[in-house]
Amino acid sequence: MSGPSQRRPGALVSVVLSGGASERFLGEPKALLPVGRETAVGRMVRLSQRLGVDRVVVVAGLHLPEVNGAVAGLGAEVVENPDWRLGRTGSVQVGLRAAGPEATVLIWPVDHPFVALGTLRSLLAASEVDRLALWLIPTFQGRGGHPVLLRGRALSMVSELSASAPLRSLLPVIGPEVRRVAVADPGVLDNVDAPQQYLAALDAWASRGGGDG
């Protein structure tokens, strides 16, 4: 496991979530699924770096050794969530602790590996225009997707949730400080939850050119 990088106030940190068991893939980590010539987690680390983040933190659980191997040499920091069974929010909280309370944090689940670089840039640009927004969500055809960008008191609110509580339970509380950012990227909705969904999303991504977008 790579060691923690120095925290910098106001840093932009990408937190890639890879803490699940991948049960529907018969235990094969979703992080290692091929996306073009790289793994899903490798693509997400690379695009995060192209966005210009200060750090990339990958949260792993059951498949910690495999995730470590997949990102070795890519410049990402891997942190373990030993309580990954409690739910995804617990992995988010581990990532937020690694990022630090003053960071702006991109939360990117590994089951959404087909997101375009342009979407990441749109989220960041929207956050720079709307300084009051604490929670930015990409939308495609009116539907919210991933990844999301969090900052300010949204981070502490997520940190106080139960590890099994969904993040979306906070949206009504944050209310007007939630910003939805329309993007032309169906990848924000492509949830690789099972092999059939992965293959369909992979084909759709390839039909869009299979690039970074």
N, C-alpha and C. Protein backbone atom coordinates (compact mmCIF):
# COMPACT_ATOMS: atom_id res chain seq x y z
N MET A 1 0.85 -1.19 0.00
CA MET A 1 0.00 0.00 0.00
C MET A 1 0.88 1.24 0.00
N SER A 2 0.60 2.16 -0.85
CA SER A 2 1.41 3.36 -0.91
C SER A 2 1.12 4.24 0.30
N GLY A 3 2.12 5.03 0.71
CA GLY A 3 1.98 5.88 1.87
C GLY A 3 1.19 7.13 1.55
N PRO A 4 0.67 7.80 2.60
CA PRO A 4 -0.14 9.00 2.39
C PRO A 4 0.70 10.16 1.89
N SER A 5 0.13 10.93 0.98
CA SER A 5 0.78 12.13 0.49
C SER A 5 0.48 13.28 1.44
N GLN A 6 1.27 14.32 1.36
CA GLN A 6 1.04 15.48 2.22
C GLN A 6 -0.25 16.19 1.82
N ARG A 7 -1.07 16.50 2.81
CA ARG A 7 -2.32 17.22 2.55
C ARG A 7 -2.01 18.69 2.34
N ARG A 8 -2.72 19.29 1.42
CA ARG A 8 -2.56 20.71 1.16
C ARG A 8 -3.94 21.36 1.26
N PRO A 9 -4.09 22.39 2.09
CA PRO A 9 -5.39 23.06 2.18
C PRO A 9 -5.88 23.52 0.82
N GLY A 10 -7.15 23.24 0.54
CA GLY A 10 -7.72 23.65 -0.73
C GLY A 10 -7.35 22.75 -1.90
N ALA A 11 -6.74 21.61 -1.62
CA ALA A 11 -6.33 20.72 -2.69
C ALA A 11 -7.54 20.11 -3.40
N LEU A 12 -7.35 19.75 -4.65
CA LEU A 12 -8.34 18.99 -5.41
C LEU A 12 -7.91 17.53 -5.39
N VAL A 13 -8.75 16.68 -4.82
CA VAL A 13 -8.42 15.27 -4.62
C VAL A 13 -9.47 14.39 -5.29
N SER A 14 -9.02 13.42 -6.06
CA SER A 14 -9.93 12.43 -6.64
C SER A 14 -9.91 11.20 -5.75
N VAL A 15 -11.09 10.80 -5.28
CA VAL A 15 -11.23 9.59 -4.47
C VAL A 15 -11.96 8.54 -5.31
N VAL A 16 -11.24 7.51 -5.69
CA VAL A 16 -11.80 6.42 -6.50
C VAL A 16 -12.21 5.30 -5.55
N LEU A 17 -13.47 4.91 -5.61
CA LEU A 17 -14.01 3.92 -4.69
C LEU A 17 -13.96 2.52 -5.29
N SER A 18 -13.21 1.63 -4.66
CA SER A 18 -13.09 0.26 -5.13
C SER A 18 -13.10 -0.70 -3.95
N GLY A 19 -14.09 -0.50 -3.07
CA GLY A 19 -14.11 -1.26 -1.84
C GLY A 19 -15.06 -2.44 -1.81
N GLY A 20 -15.82 -2.65 -2.87
CA GLY A 20 -16.84 -3.71 -2.85
C GLY A 20 -16.30 -5.09 -3.13
N ALA A 21 -17.17 -6.08 -3.03
CA ALA A 21 -16.78 -7.48 -3.21
C ALA A 21 -16.90 -7.96 -4.65
N SER A 22 -17.57 -7.19 -5.53
CA SER A 22 -17.78 -7.60 -6.93
C SER A 22 -18.42 -8.99 -7.02
N GLU A 23 -19.42 -9.24 -6.19
CA GLU A 23 -20.02 -10.56 -6.11
C GLU A 23 -20.62 -11.02 -7.44
N ARG A 24 -21.23 -10.10 -8.19
CA ARG A 24 -21.85 -10.49 -9.45
C ARG A 24 -20.83 -10.79 -10.54
N PHE A 25 -19.57 -10.45 -10.28
CA PHE A 25 -18.49 -10.79 -11.20
C PHE A 25 -17.71 -11.99 -10.68
N LEU A 26 -18.36 -12.76 -9.81
CA LEU A 26 -17.76 -13.96 -9.23
C LEU A 26 -16.43 -13.66 -8.56
N GLY A 27 -16.38 -12.50 -7.90
CA GLY A 27 -15.20 -12.15 -7.14
C GLY A 27 -14.11 -11.46 -7.91
N GLU A 28 -14.24 -11.36 -9.25
CA GLU A 28 -13.23 -10.62 -10.01
C GLU A 28 -13.42 -9.13 -9.73
N PRO A 29 -12.39 -8.43 -9.29
CA PRO A 29 -12.56 -7.01 -8.95
C PRO A 29 -13.00 -6.18 -10.14
N LYS A 30 -14.01 -5.34 -9.95
CA LYS A 30 -14.42 -4.44 -11.02
C LYS A 30 -13.28 -3.51 -11.42
N ALA A 31 -12.42 -3.21 -10.46
CA ALA A 31 -11.30 -2.32 -10.74
C ALA A 31 -10.41 -2.83 -11.85
N LEU A 32 -10.39 -4.15 -12.05
CA LEU A 32 -9.50 -4.75 -13.04
C LEU A 32 -10.18 -5.03 -14.36
N LEU A 33 -11.46 -4.67 -14.51
CA LEU A 33 -12.15 -4.89 -15.78
C LEU A 33 -11.47 -4.09 -16.89
N PRO A 34 -11.31 -4.68 -18.06
CA PRO A 34 -10.67 -3.94 -19.15
C PRO A 34 -11.54 -2.81 -19.69
N VAL A 35 -10.93 -1.66 -19.85
CA VAL A 35 -11.55 -0.53 -20.54
C VAL A 35 -10.53 -0.08 -21.57
N GLY A 36 -10.71 -0.54 -22.81
CA GLY A 36 -9.68 -0.32 -23.82
C GLY A 36 -8.43 -1.10 -23.46
N ARG A 37 -7.30 -0.42 -23.44
CA ARG A 37 -6.03 -1.08 -23.15
C ARG A 37 -5.59 -0.94 -21.70
N GLU A 38 -6.50 -0.48 -20.85
CA GLU A 38 -6.16 -0.32 -19.44
C GLU A 38 -7.27 -0.87 -18.58
N THR A 39 -7.01 -0.94 -17.29
CA THR A 39 -8.05 -1.38 -16.36
C THR A 39 -8.98 -0.21 -16.04
N ALA A 40 -10.14 -0.56 -15.49
CA ALA A 40 -11.09 0.48 -15.10
C ALA A 40 -10.45 1.45 -14.12
N VAL A 41 -9.81 0.92 -13.08
CA VAL A 41 -9.21 1.81 -12.08
C VAL A 41 -8.03 2.58 -12.66
N GLY A 42 -7.28 1.95 -13.57
CA GLY A 42 -6.18 2.65 -14.20
C GLY A 42 -6.65 3.82 -15.03
N ARG A 43 -7.76 3.64 -15.75
CA ARG A 43 -8.30 4.75 -16.54
C ARG A 43 -8.77 5.89 -15.64
N MET A 44 -9.39 5.53 -14.55
CA MET A 44 -9.91 6.56 -13.65
C MET A 44 -8.78 7.34 -12.98
N VAL A 45 -7.72 6.66 -12.62
CA VAL A 45 -6.55 7.35 -12.07
C VAL A 45 -5.95 8.28 -13.13
N ARG A 46 -5.82 7.77 -14.34
CA ARG A 46 -5.19 8.57 -15.40
C ARG A 46 -6.02 9.81 -15.74
N LEU A 47 -7.34 9.64 -15.88
CA LEU A 47 -8.18 10.79 -16.21
C LEU A 47 -8.22 11.80 -15.06
N SER A 48 -8.19 11.30 -13.84
CA SER A 48 -8.13 12.22 -12.70
C SER A 48 -6.86 13.07 -12.79
N GLN A 49 -5.76 12.44 -13.14
CA GLN A 49 -4.51 13.18 -13.26
C GLN A 49 -4.55 14.16 -14.43
N ARG A 50 -5.19 13.77 -15.52
CA ARG A 50 -5.33 14.70 -16.65
C ARG A 50 -6.20 15.89 -16.28
N LEU A 51 -7.12 15.69 -15.37
CA LEU A 51 -7.95 16.79 -14.89
C LEU A 51 -7.11 17.81 -14.13
N GLY A 52 -6.01 17.34 -13.56
CA GLY A 52 -5.13 18.24 -12.83
C GLY A 52 -5.30 18.17 -11.32
N VAL A 53 -5.78 17.03 -10.81
CA VAL A 53 -5.94 16.92 -9.36
C VAL A 53 -4.58 16.93 -8.68
N ASP A 54 -4.59 17.30 -7.40
CA ASP A 54 -3.36 17.28 -6.63
C ASP A 54 -2.99 15.87 -6.19
N ARG A 55 -4.02 15.07 -5.92
CA ARG A 55 -3.78 13.70 -5.45
C ARG A 55 -4.90 12.80 -5.95
N VAL A 56 -4.58 11.53 -6.12
CA VAL A 56 -5.59 10.50 -6.39
C VAL A 56 -5.52 9.48 -5.25
N VAL A 57 -6.64 9.28 -4.58
CA VAL A 57 -6.74 8.31 -3.49
C VAL A 57 -7.68 7.20 -3.95
N VAL A 58 -7.21 5.96 -3.91
CA VAL A 58 -8.04 4.81 -4.28
C VAL A 58 -8.36 4.05 -3.00
N VAL A 59 -9.65 3.89 -2.71
CA VAL A 59 -10.07 3.18 -1.51
C VAL A 59 -10.39 1.74 -1.90
N ALA A 60 -9.73 0.80 -1.25
CA ALA A 60 -9.91 -0.62 -1.54
C ALA A 60 -10.33 -1.36 -0.27
N GLY A 61 -10.98 -2.50 -0.48
CA GLY A 61 -11.42 -3.31 0.64
C GLY A 61 -10.98 -4.75 0.49
N LEU A 62 -11.92 -5.62 0.12
CA LEU A 62 -11.62 -7.04 -0.02
C LEU A 62 -10.48 -7.29 -1.01
N HIS A 63 -10.43 -6.52 -2.09
CA HIS A 63 -9.46 -6.76 -3.16
C HIS A 63 -8.26 -5.81 -3.07
N LEU A 64 -7.85 -5.51 -1.85
CA LEU A 64 -6.73 -4.58 -1.66
C LEU A 64 -5.47 -5.00 -2.43
N PRO A 65 -5.04 -6.26 -2.37
CA PRO A 65 -3.81 -6.62 -3.10
C PRO A 65 -3.94 -6.42 -4.61
N GLU A 66 -5.10 -6.79 -5.17
CA GLU A 66 -5.29 -6.65 -6.61
C GLU A 66 -5.32 -5.17 -7.03
N VAL A 67 -5.99 -4.35 -6.23
CA VAL A 67 -6.06 -2.92 -6.54
C VAL A 67 -4.67 -2.29 -6.43
N ASN A 68 -3.94 -2.66 -5.41
CA ASN A 68 -2.56 -2.18 -5.27
C ASN A 68 -1.74 -2.50 -6.50
N GLY A 69 -1.88 -3.74 -6.98
CA GLY A 69 -1.13 -4.13 -8.17
C GLY A 69 -1.56 -3.38 -9.41
N ALA A 70 -2.85 -3.11 -9.51
CA ALA A 70 -3.37 -2.45 -10.71
C ALA A 70 -2.92 -1.00 -10.83
N VAL A 71 -2.69 -0.33 -9.71
CA VAL A 71 -2.31 1.08 -9.77
C VAL A 71 -0.84 1.31 -9.46
N ALA A 72 -0.09 0.23 -9.26
CA ALA A 72 1.33 0.38 -8.96
C ALA A 72 2.02 1.19 -10.06
N GLY A 73 2.75 2.19 -9.67
CA GLY A 73 3.48 3.01 -10.63
C GLY A 73 2.66 4.10 -11.29
N LEU A 74 1.38 4.22 -10.95
CA LEU A 74 0.52 5.23 -11.59
C LEU A 74 0.44 6.53 -10.79
N GLY A 75 1.05 6.56 -9.62
CA GLY A 75 1.04 7.80 -8.85
C GLY A 75 -0.17 7.99 -7.97
N ALA A 76 -0.90 6.90 -7.71
CA ALA A 76 -2.08 6.98 -6.85
C ALA A 76 -1.73 6.44 -5.46
N GLU A 77 -2.45 6.92 -4.47
CA GLU A 77 -2.32 6.45 -3.09
C GLU A 77 -3.47 5.49 -2.81
N VAL A 78 -3.17 4.31 -2.31
CA VAL A 78 -4.20 3.33 -1.99
C VAL A 78 -4.39 3.29 -0.47
N VAL A 79 -5.63 3.42 -0.04
CA VAL A 79 -5.95 3.31 1.38
C VAL A 79 -6.98 2.21 1.57
N GLU A 80 -6.92 1.55 2.70
CA GLU A 80 -7.79 0.41 2.95
C GLU A 80 -9.01 0.80 3.77
N ASN A 81 -10.15 0.26 3.38
CA ASN A 81 -11.35 0.31 4.21
C ASN A 81 -11.57 -1.09 4.78
N PRO A 82 -11.12 -1.34 6.01
CA PRO A 82 -11.28 -2.69 6.57
C PRO A 82 -12.74 -3.06 6.83
N ASP A 83 -13.61 -2.04 6.91
CA ASP A 83 -15.03 -2.30 7.16
C ASP A 83 -15.87 -2.13 5.90
N TRP A 84 -15.32 -2.56 4.77
CA TRP A 84 -15.99 -2.37 3.48
C TRP A 84 -17.36 -3.03 3.43
N ARG A 85 -17.56 -4.06 4.24
CA ARG A 85 -18.85 -4.76 4.22
C ARG A 85 -20.00 -3.87 4.69
N LEU A 86 -19.71 -2.80 5.40
CA LEU A 86 -20.76 -1.95 5.96
C LEU A 86 -21.43 -1.08 4.91
N GLY A 87 -20.78 -0.89 3.75
CA GLY A 87 -21.41 -0.11 2.69
C GLY A 87 -20.48 0.90 2.05
N ARG A 88 -20.90 1.41 0.89
CA ARG A 88 -20.07 2.32 0.10
C ARG A 88 -19.78 3.61 0.84
N THR A 89 -20.74 4.12 1.60
CA THR A 89 -20.49 5.38 2.30
C THR A 89 -19.31 5.27 3.25
N GLY A 90 -19.11 4.09 3.82
CA GLY A 90 -17.94 3.89 4.66
C GLY A 90 -16.65 4.05 3.88
N SER A 91 -16.63 3.58 2.63
CA SER A 91 -15.45 3.77 1.79
C SER A 91 -15.26 5.24 1.43
N VAL A 92 -16.38 5.95 1.18
CA VAL A 92 -16.29 7.39 0.94
C VAL A 92 -15.65 8.08 2.14
N GLN A 93 -16.07 7.70 3.33
CA GLN A 93 -15.55 8.34 4.53
C GLN A 93 -14.06 8.09 4.72
N VAL A 94 -13.61 6.88 4.39
CA VAL A 94 -12.17 6.59 4.43
C VAL A 94 -11.42 7.50 3.45
N GLY A 95 -11.99 7.65 2.26
CA GLY A 95 -11.37 8.52 1.27
C GLY A 95 -11.34 9.98 1.69
N LEU A 96 -12.41 10.44 2.34
CA LEU A 96 -12.46 11.83 2.79
C LEU A 96 -11.44 12.09 3.89
N ARG A 97 -11.25 11.11 4.77
CA ARG A 97 -10.23 11.28 5.81
C ARG A 97 -8.84 11.40 5.19
N ALA A 98 -8.60 10.64 4.15
CA ALA A 98 -7.31 10.72 3.48
C ALA A 98 -7.15 12.04 2.74
N ALA A 99 -8.26 12.57 2.20
CA ALA A 99 -8.21 13.81 1.43
C ALA A 99 -8.01 15.02 2.33
N GLY A 100 -8.63 15.00 3.50
CA GLY A 100 -8.55 16.14 4.42
C GLY A 100 -9.78 17.02 4.33
N PRO A 101 -10.13 17.71 5.41
CA PRO A 101 -11.39 18.46 5.49
C PRO A 101 -11.45 19.71 4.63
N GLU A 102 -10.33 20.20 4.16
CA GLU A 102 -10.32 21.44 3.38
C GLU A 102 -10.21 21.20 1.89
N ALA A 103 -10.21 19.95 1.48
CA ALA A 103 -10.06 19.62 0.07
C ALA A 103 -11.39 19.78 -0.67
N THR A 104 -11.30 19.91 -1.98
CA THR A 104 -12.43 19.69 -2.88
C THR A 104 -12.26 18.28 -3.40
N VAL A 105 -13.30 17.45 -3.28
CA VAL A 105 -13.13 16.02 -3.50
C VAL A 105 -14.05 15.52 -4.61
N LEU A 106 -13.45 14.87 -5.60
CA LEU A 106 -14.19 14.17 -6.64
C LEU A 106 -14.40 12.74 -6.17
N ILE A 107 -15.64 12.34 -5.99
CA ILE A 107 -15.97 10.98 -5.54
C ILE A 107 -16.37 10.17 -6.76
N TRP A 108 -15.54 9.15 -7.10
CA TRP A 108 -15.74 8.42 -8.35
C TRP A 108 -15.78 6.92 -8.09
N PRO A 109 -16.97 6.30 -8.08
CA PRO A 109 -17.08 4.86 -7.88
C PRO A 109 -16.52 4.08 -9.08
N VAL A 110 -15.87 2.97 -8.79
CA VAL A 110 -15.20 2.22 -9.85
C VAL A 110 -16.19 1.55 -10.79
N ASP A 111 -17.46 1.47 -10.40
CA ASP A 111 -18.45 0.89 -11.31
C ASP A 111 -19.02 1.92 -12.29
N HIS A 112 -18.36 3.07 -12.38
CA HIS A 112 -18.68 4.08 -13.41
C HIS A 112 -17.40 4.46 -14.16
N PRO A 113 -16.76 3.49 -14.83
CA PRO A 113 -15.44 3.76 -15.42
C PRO A 113 -15.47 4.40 -16.80
N PHE A 114 -16.66 4.60 -17.37
CA PHE A 114 -16.75 5.08 -18.75
C PHE A 114 -17.02 6.58 -18.86
N VAL A 115 -16.85 7.29 -17.77
CA VAL A 115 -17.07 8.75 -17.76
C VAL A 115 -16.00 9.44 -18.60
N ALA A 116 -16.40 10.46 -19.33
CA ALA A 116 -15.48 11.20 -20.20
C ALA A 116 -14.72 12.26 -19.42
N LEU A 117 -13.51 12.54 -19.88
CA LEU A 117 -12.71 13.59 -19.28
C LEU A 117 -13.44 14.94 -19.33
N GLY A 118 -14.17 15.19 -20.42
CA GLY A 118 -14.92 16.42 -20.54
C GLY A 118 -15.93 16.61 -19.43
N THR A 119 -16.50 15.52 -18.93
CA THR A 119 -17.45 15.60 -17.82
C THR A 119 -16.75 16.05 -16.55
N LEU A 120 -15.57 15.51 -16.30
CA LEU A 120 -14.80 15.92 -15.12
C LEU A 120 -14.48 17.41 -15.21
N ARG A 121 -14.10 17.85 -16.39
CA ARG A 121 -13.77 19.27 -16.57
C ARG A 121 -15.01 20.14 -16.40
N SER A 122 -16.17 19.67 -16.84
CA SER A 122 -17.40 20.43 -16.68
C SER A 122 -17.77 20.59 -15.21
N LEU A 123 -17.60 19.53 -14.42
CA LEU A 123 -17.87 19.62 -12.99
C LEU A 123 -16.95 20.63 -12.32
N LEU A 124 -15.67 20.54 -12.67
CA LEU A 124 -14.70 21.46 -12.06
C LEU A 124 -14.98 22.90 -12.47
N ALA A 125 -15.30 23.11 -13.74
CA ALA A 125 -15.60 24.46 -14.21
C ALA A 125 -16.84 25.01 -13.51
N ALA A 126 -17.85 24.19 -13.34
CA ALA A 126 -19.07 24.64 -12.67
C ALA A 126 -18.78 25.00 -11.22
N SER A 127 -17.90 24.25 -10.59
CA SER A 127 -17.56 24.55 -9.19
C SER A 127 -16.82 25.87 -9.06
N GLU A 128 -16.09 26.23 -10.10
CA GLU A 128 -15.34 27.49 -10.06
C GLU A 128 -16.26 28.69 -10.34
N VAL A 129 -17.31 28.46 -11.11
CA VAL A 129 -18.27 29.52 -11.40
C VAL A 129 -19.24 29.73 -10.23
N ASP A 130 -19.74 28.62 -9.69
CA ASP A 130 -20.70 28.68 -8.59
C ASP A 130 -19.98 28.33 -7.29
N ARG A 131 -19.43 29.34 -6.63
CA ARG A 131 -18.64 29.10 -5.43
C ARG A 131 -19.52 28.69 -4.24
N LEU A 132 -20.83 28.87 -4.34
CA LEU A 132 -21.71 28.49 -3.25
C LEU A 132 -22.11 27.01 -3.31
N ALA A 133 -21.91 26.38 -4.45
CA ALA A 133 -22.29 24.97 -4.60
C ALA A 133 -21.36 24.09 -3.77
N LEU A 134 -21.95 23.22 -2.98
CA LEU A 134 -21.18 22.30 -2.14
C LEU A 134 -21.18 20.88 -2.69
N TRP A 135 -22.11 20.60 -3.59
CA TRP A 135 -22.31 19.22 -4.08
C TRP A 135 -22.70 19.34 -5.54
N LEU A 136 -21.83 18.91 -6.43
CA LEU A 136 -22.10 19.03 -7.87
C LEU A 136 -22.28 17.65 -8.48
N ILE A 137 -23.38 17.51 -9.22
CA ILE A 137 -23.79 16.21 -9.78
C ILE A 137 -23.90 16.32 -11.30
N PRO A 138 -23.24 15.45 -12.05
CA PRO A 138 -23.44 15.47 -13.50
C PRO A 138 -24.78 14.84 -13.86
N THR A 139 -25.47 15.42 -14.83
CA THR A 139 -26.73 14.85 -15.28
C THR A 139 -26.70 14.62 -16.79
N PHE A 140 -27.31 13.53 -17.20
CA PHE A 140 -27.46 13.24 -18.63
C PHE A 140 -28.94 12.99 -18.89
N GLN A 141 -29.51 13.79 -19.77
CA GLN A 141 -30.93 13.71 -20.08
C GLN A 141 -31.78 13.76 -18.82
N GLY A 142 -31.38 14.64 -17.90
CA GLY A 142 -32.15 14.88 -16.69
C GLY A 142 -31.91 13.92 -15.55
N ARG A 143 -31.07 12.93 -15.76
CA ARG A 143 -30.82 11.94 -14.70
C ARG A 143 -29.44 12.15 -14.10
N GLY A 144 -29.37 12.14 -12.77
CA GLY A 144 -28.11 12.34 -12.08
C GLY A 144 -27.24 11.10 -12.12
N GLY A 145 -25.93 11.32 -12.19
CA GLY A 145 -25.00 10.20 -12.25
C GLY A 145 -23.76 10.45 -11.42
N HIS A 146 -22.67 9.84 -11.85
CA HIS A 146 -21.39 9.90 -11.15
C HIS A 146 -20.28 10.24 -12.16
N PRO A 147 -19.18 10.82 -11.62
CA PRO A 147 -18.83 11.10 -10.23
C PRO A 147 -19.46 12.40 -9.74
N VAL A 148 -19.33 12.65 -8.43
CA VAL A 148 -19.82 13.90 -7.87
C VAL A 148 -18.64 14.66 -7.25
N LEU A 149 -18.81 15.95 -7.13
CA LEU A 149 -17.78 16.82 -6.56
C LEU A 149 -18.33 17.42 -5.26
N LEU A 150 -17.58 17.23 -4.17
CA LEU A 150 -18.01 17.70 -2.86
C LEU A 150 -16.97 18.64 -2.26
N ARG A 151 -17.45 19.57 -1.43
CA ARG A 151 -16.52 20.45 -0.73
C ARG A 151 -17.25 21.09 0.45
N GLY A 152 -16.47 21.80 1.26
CA GLY A 152 -17.04 22.55 2.38
C GLY A 152 -17.78 21.65 3.37
N ARG A 153 -18.90 22.15 3.88
CA ARG A 153 -19.60 21.41 4.92
C ARG A 153 -20.23 20.12 4.41
N ALA A 154 -20.32 19.95 3.09
CA ALA A 154 -20.81 18.67 2.57
C ALA A 154 -19.89 17.53 3.00
N LEU A 155 -18.59 17.81 3.11
CA LEU A 155 -17.64 16.77 3.51
C LEU A 155 -17.90 16.33 4.95
N SER A 156 -18.09 17.28 5.84
CA SER A 156 -18.34 16.91 7.23
C SER A 156 -19.68 16.22 7.40
N MET A 157 -20.65 16.61 6.60
CA MET A 157 -21.96 15.97 6.69
C MET A 157 -21.88 14.52 6.25
N VAL A 158 -21.11 14.25 5.17
CA VAL A 158 -20.93 12.87 4.73
C VAL A 158 -20.17 12.08 5.79
N SER A 159 -19.19 12.70 6.40
CA SER A 159 -18.37 12.01 7.40
C SER A 159 -19.19 11.59 8.61
N GLU A 160 -20.30 12.28 8.87
CA GLU A 160 -21.13 11.98 10.04
C GLU A 160 -22.22 10.95 9.76
N LEU A 161 -22.37 10.55 8.51
CA LEU A 161 -23.38 9.54 8.16
C LEU A 161 -22.99 8.17 8.70
N SER A 162 -23.99 7.31 8.82
CA SER A 162 -23.73 5.89 9.04
C SER A 162 -23.06 5.33 7.79
N ALA A 163 -22.15 4.36 7.98
CA ALA A 163 -21.43 3.78 6.85
C ALA A 163 -22.36 3.11 5.85
N SER A 164 -23.56 2.75 6.28
CA SER A 164 -24.51 2.08 5.39
C SER A 164 -25.55 3.02 4.80
N ALA A 165 -25.54 4.28 5.21
CA ALA A 165 -26.54 5.24 4.72
C ALA A 165 -26.14 5.76 3.35
N PRO A 166 -27.07 5.88 2.41
CA PRO A 166 -26.72 6.41 1.09
C PRO A 166 -26.40 7.88 1.13
N LEU A 167 -25.44 8.30 0.31
CA LEU A 167 -25.08 9.72 0.25
C LEU A 167 -26.27 10.58 -0.13
N ARG A 168 -27.12 10.06 -1.00
CA ARG A 168 -28.23 10.87 -1.51
C ARG A 168 -29.20 11.29 -0.41
N SER A 169 -29.12 10.65 0.75
CA SER A 169 -30.00 11.04 1.85
C SER A 169 -29.70 12.45 2.33
N LEU A 170 -28.53 12.98 1.98
CA LEU A 170 -28.16 14.33 2.39
C LEU A 170 -28.63 15.40 1.42
N LEU A 171 -29.01 15.02 0.22
CA LEU A 171 -29.35 16.02 -0.80
C LEU A 171 -30.48 16.96 -0.37
N PRO A 172 -31.56 16.47 0.24
CA PRO A 172 -32.61 17.40 0.66
C PRO A 172 -32.12 18.37 1.74
N VAL A 173 -31.14 17.94 2.54
CA VAL A 173 -30.62 18.80 3.60
C VAL A 173 -29.78 19.92 3.02
N ILE A 174 -28.96 19.59 2.03
CA ILE A 174 -28.09 20.59 1.41
C ILE A 174 -28.89 21.51 0.50
N GLY A 175 -29.92 20.96 -0.11
CA GLY A 175 -30.89 21.76 -0.86
C GLY A 175 -30.30 22.66 -1.92
N PRO A 176 -30.42 23.99 -1.78
CA PRO A 176 -30.01 24.91 -2.85
C PRO A 176 -28.51 24.92 -3.12
N GLU A 177 -27.75 24.31 -2.24
CA GLU A 177 -26.30 24.25 -2.47
C GLU A 177 -25.88 23.03 -3.27
N VAL A 178 -26.88 22.28 -3.77
CA VAL A 178 -26.63 21.20 -4.71
C VAL A 178 -26.71 21.79 -6.12
N ARG A 179 -25.72 21.54 -6.94
CA ARG A 179 -25.69 22.05 -8.31
C ARG A 179 -25.68 20.86 -9.27
N ARG A 180 -26.66 20.82 -10.17
CA ARG A 180 -26.71 19.77 -11.19
C ARG A 180 -26.12 20.33 -12.48
N VAL A 181 -25.19 19.58 -13.04
CA VAL A 181 -24.43 20.03 -14.20
C VAL A 181 -24.77 19.14 -15.39
N ALA A 182 -25.48 19.69 -16.37
CA ALA A 182 -25.86 18.90 -17.54
C ALA A 182 -24.63 18.63 -18.41
N VAL A 183 -24.46 17.36 -18.78
CA VAL A 183 -23.34 16.95 -19.64
C VAL A 183 -23.87 16.06 -20.76
N ALA A 184 -23.12 16.00 -21.86
CA ALA A 184 -23.51 15.15 -22.99
C ALA A 184 -22.75 13.84 -22.92
N ASP A 185 -22.84 13.19 -21.78
CA ASP A 185 -22.02 11.99 -21.53
C ASP A 185 -22.86 10.90 -20.88
N PRO A 186 -23.31 9.91 -21.66
CA PRO A 186 -24.09 8.82 -21.07
C PRO A 186 -23.27 7.97 -20.10
N GLY A 187 -21.94 8.14 -20.12
CA GLY A 187 -21.10 7.37 -19.21
C GLY A 187 -21.38 7.66 -17.74
N VAL A 188 -21.96 8.82 -17.45
CA VAL A 188 -22.24 9.13 -16.04
C VAL A 188 -23.34 8.23 -15.49
N LEU A 189 -24.13 7.63 -16.37
CA LEU A 189 -25.22 6.75 -15.94
C LEU A 189 -24.87 5.28 -16.04
N ASP A 190 -23.78 4.96 -16.73
CA ASP A 190 -23.43 3.55 -16.96
C ASP A 190 -22.90 2.93 -15.67
N ASN A 191 -23.75 2.18 -15.00
CA ASN A 191 -23.41 1.53 -13.73
C ASN A 191 -23.03 0.08 -13.99
N VAL A 192 -21.76 -0.23 -13.86
CA VAL A 192 -21.26 -1.58 -14.13
C VAL A 192 -21.51 -2.44 -12.90
N ASP A 193 -22.75 -2.86 -12.74
CA ASP A 193 -23.15 -3.60 -11.55
C ASP A 193 -23.13 -5.11 -11.77
N ALA A 194 -23.16 -5.52 -13.03
CA ALA A 194 -23.18 -6.94 -13.38
C ALA A 194 -22.50 -7.10 -14.74
N PRO A 195 -22.08 -8.33 -15.09
CA PRO A 195 -21.36 -8.54 -16.35
C PRO A 195 -22.11 -8.04 -17.58
N GLN A 196 -23.44 -8.24 -17.63
CA GLN A 196 -24.19 -7.80 -18.79
C GLN A 196 -24.16 -6.28 -18.93
N GLN A 197 -24.25 -5.59 -17.81
CA GLN A 197 -24.20 -4.14 -17.85
C GLN A 197 -22.82 -3.64 -18.26
N TYR A 198 -21.80 -4.32 -17.79
CA TYR A 198 -20.44 -3.95 -18.19
C TYR A 198 -20.25 -4.10 -19.69
N LEU A 199 -20.69 -5.22 -20.25
CA LEU A 199 -20.51 -5.46 -21.68
C LEU A 199 -21.30 -4.44 -22.51
N ALA A 200 -22.52 -4.13 -22.07
CA ALA A 200 -23.33 -3.14 -22.78
C ALA A 200 -22.68 -1.77 -22.71
N ALA A 201 -22.18 -1.39 -21.54
CA ALA A 201 -21.53 -0.09 -21.39
C ALA A 201 -20.24 -0.02 -22.18
N LEU A 202 -19.51 -1.12 -22.22
CA LEU A 202 -18.26 -1.16 -22.98
C LEU A 202 -18.54 -0.98 -24.47
N ASP A 203 -19.57 -1.65 -24.97
CA ASP A 203 -19.94 -1.50 -26.38
C ASP A 203 -20.37 -0.07 -26.68
N ALA A 204 -21.16 0.52 -25.78
CA ALA A 204 -21.63 1.89 -25.99
C ALA A 204 -20.45 2.86 -25.98
N TRP A 205 -19.51 2.66 -25.07
CA TRP A 205 -18.32 3.52 -25.01
C TRP A 205 -17.49 3.38 -26.27
N ALA A 206 -17.34 2.15 -26.76
CA ALA A 206 -16.59 1.91 -28.00
C ALA A 206 -17.29 2.59 -29.18
N SER A 207 -18.62 2.57 -29.18
CA SER A 207 -19.35 3.21 -30.29
C SER A 207 -19.21 4.72 -30.26
N ARG A 208 -18.87 5.28 -29.10
CA ARG A 208 -18.62 6.72 -28.99
C ARG A 208 -17.17 7.08 -29.34
N GLY A 209 -16.42 6.07 -29.73
CA GLY A 209 -15.03 6.30 -30.12
C GLY A 209 -14.02 5.69 -29.19
N GLY A 210 -14.46 5.30 -27.99
CA GLY A 210 -13.59 4.60 -27.07
C GLY A 210 -12.43 5.44 -26.54
N GLY A 211 -12.54 6.75 -26.62
CA GLY A 211 -11.46 7.59 -26.13
C GLY A 211 -11.76 8.19 -24.78
N ASP A 212 -11.02 9.24 -24.45
CA ASP A 212 -11.21 9.89 -23.15
C ASP A 212 -12.40 10.83 -23.15
N GLY A 213 -12.76 11.36 -24.32
CA GLY A 213 -13.93 12.23 -24.42
C GLY A 213 -13.67 13.63 -23.94
